[in-house]
């Protein structure tokens, strides 16, 4: 799924007030963490994940793995906070055209 710049801007504004619901700790991206991300994104559609890694390259690799495993769209990655979006069947968030 590809998002337009307008849609990304809309999702960023929606995510601004959100707090991270899942944290990737020192153990890295485990099956349990992926399952928690899946549950959260199924329920909310738009979530933030905090990645506790020191190196920027490590954060980027973990973010890419999360996107690949969850089949979600990366809205943004600022510092250690990754914002993800994946529409559910309920369509809680209506994206602009």
Protein backbone atom coordinates (compact mmCIF):
# COMPACT_ATOMS: atom_id res chain seq x y z
CA UNK A 1 0.00 0.00 0.00
CA UNK A 2 1.38 3.38 -0.98
CA UNK A 3 0.32 6.60 0.66
CA UNK A 4 0.28 10.01 -0.97
CA UNK A 5 2.02 12.92 0.73
CA UNK A 6 -1.38 14.34 1.68
CA UNK A 7 -2.37 11.03 3.31
CA UNK A 8 0.95 10.82 5.19
CA UNK A 9 0.52 14.38 6.42
CA UNK A 10 -3.01 13.52 7.63
CA UNK A 11 -1.78 10.40 9.44
CA UNK A 12 1.10 12.32 11.05
CA UNK A 13 -1.39 14.86 12.40
CA UNK A 14 -3.60 12.04 13.74
CA UNK A 15 -0.61 10.33 15.37
CA UNK A 16 0.79 13.47 16.98
CA UNK A 17 -1.06 13.01 20.28
CA UNK A 18 -0.52 9.25 20.45
CA UNK A 19 1.87 7.61 22.88
CA UNK A 20 3.93 4.54 21.91
CA UNK A 21 1.91 1.39 22.60
CA UNK A 22 4.73 -1.12 22.04
CA UNK A 23 8.39 -0.89 22.94
CA UNK A 24 11.17 -2.85 21.24
CA UNK A 25 13.69 -3.38 24.05
CA UNK A 26 17.23 -4.62 24.32
CA UNK A 27 16.22 -8.12 23.20
CA UNK A 28 15.37 -6.73 19.78
CA UNK A 29 12.46 -7.72 17.61
CA UNK A 30 11.13 -10.97 19.07
CA UNK A 31 8.05 -12.97 18.09
CA UNK A 32 6.25 -11.65 21.17
CA UNK A 33 6.94 -8.04 20.20
CA UNK A 34 5.70 -8.66 16.65
CA UNK A 35 2.54 -10.27 18.07
CA UNK A 36 1.93 -7.24 20.31
CA UNK A 37 2.41 -4.89 17.34
CA UNK A 38 -0.04 -7.00 15.31
CA UNK A 39 -2.65 -6.85 18.09
CA UNK A 40 -2.24 -3.11 18.54
CA UNK A 41 -2.37 -2.28 14.84
CA UNK A 42 -5.41 -4.53 14.32
CA UNK A 43 -7.21 -2.67 17.07
CA UNK A 44 -6.08 0.92 16.40
CA UNK A 45 -4.93 1.06 12.72
CA UNK A 46 -2.45 3.84 13.59
CA UNK A 47 0.16 3.20 16.29
CA UNK A 48 3.53 4.33 17.53
CA UNK A 49 6.34 1.92 18.42
CA UNK A 50 9.37 2.94 20.47
CA UNK A 51 12.62 1.35 19.35
CA UNK A 52 15.26 1.30 22.09
CA UNK A 53 18.41 1.08 19.97
CA UNK A 54 21.43 3.37 20.09
CA UNK A 55 22.56 3.31 16.47
CA UNK A 56 20.52 4.95 13.72
CA UNK A 57 21.27 2.09 11.34
CA UNK A 58 19.97 -0.45 13.88
CA UNK A 59 16.76 1.56 14.32
CA UNK A 60 16.27 1.67 10.56
CA UNK A 61 16.81 -2.10 10.26
CA UNK A 62 14.35 -2.84 13.09
CA UNK A 63 11.78 -0.45 11.57
CA UNK A 64 12.13 -2.13 8.17
CA UNK A 65 11.71 -5.56 9.77
CA UNK A 66 8.57 -4.42 11.62
CA UNK A 67 7.07 -3.04 8.40
CA UNK A 68 7.91 -6.27 6.55
CA UNK A 69 6.54 -8.56 9.29
CA UNK A 70 3.30 -6.64 9.90
CA UNK A 71 2.68 -5.58 6.27
CA UNK A 72 2.00 -2.08 7.59
CA UNK A 73 3.00 1.26 6.11
CA UNK A 74 5.72 3.31 7.77
CA UNK A 75 4.28 6.79 8.18
CA UNK A 76 7.39 8.23 9.83
CA UNK A 77 10.43 7.42 11.93
CA UNK A 78 11.57 10.28 14.13
CA UNK A 79 14.29 9.54 16.65
CA UNK A 80 13.29 6.28 18.27
CA UNK A 81 9.55 6.53 17.52
CA UNK A 82 8.13 4.62 14.54
CA UNK A 83 4.61 5.45 13.37
CA UNK A 84 2.77 2.65 11.55
CA UNK A 85 -0.54 2.51 9.69
CA UNK A 86 -2.48 -0.48 8.40
CA UNK A 87 -6.19 -0.24 7.61
CA UNK A 88 -8.49 -2.77 9.24
CA UNK A 89 -11.79 -4.11 7.99
CA UNK A 90 -13.63 -1.60 10.20
CA UNK A 91 -11.96 1.40 8.49
CA UNK A 92 -11.69 3.50 11.64
CA UNK A 93 -9.53 6.11 9.90
CA UNK A 94 -10.77 7.59 6.62
CA UNK A 95 -7.85 8.81 4.53
CA UNK A 96 -8.18 11.89 2.31
CA UNK A 97 -7.97 11.30 -1.44
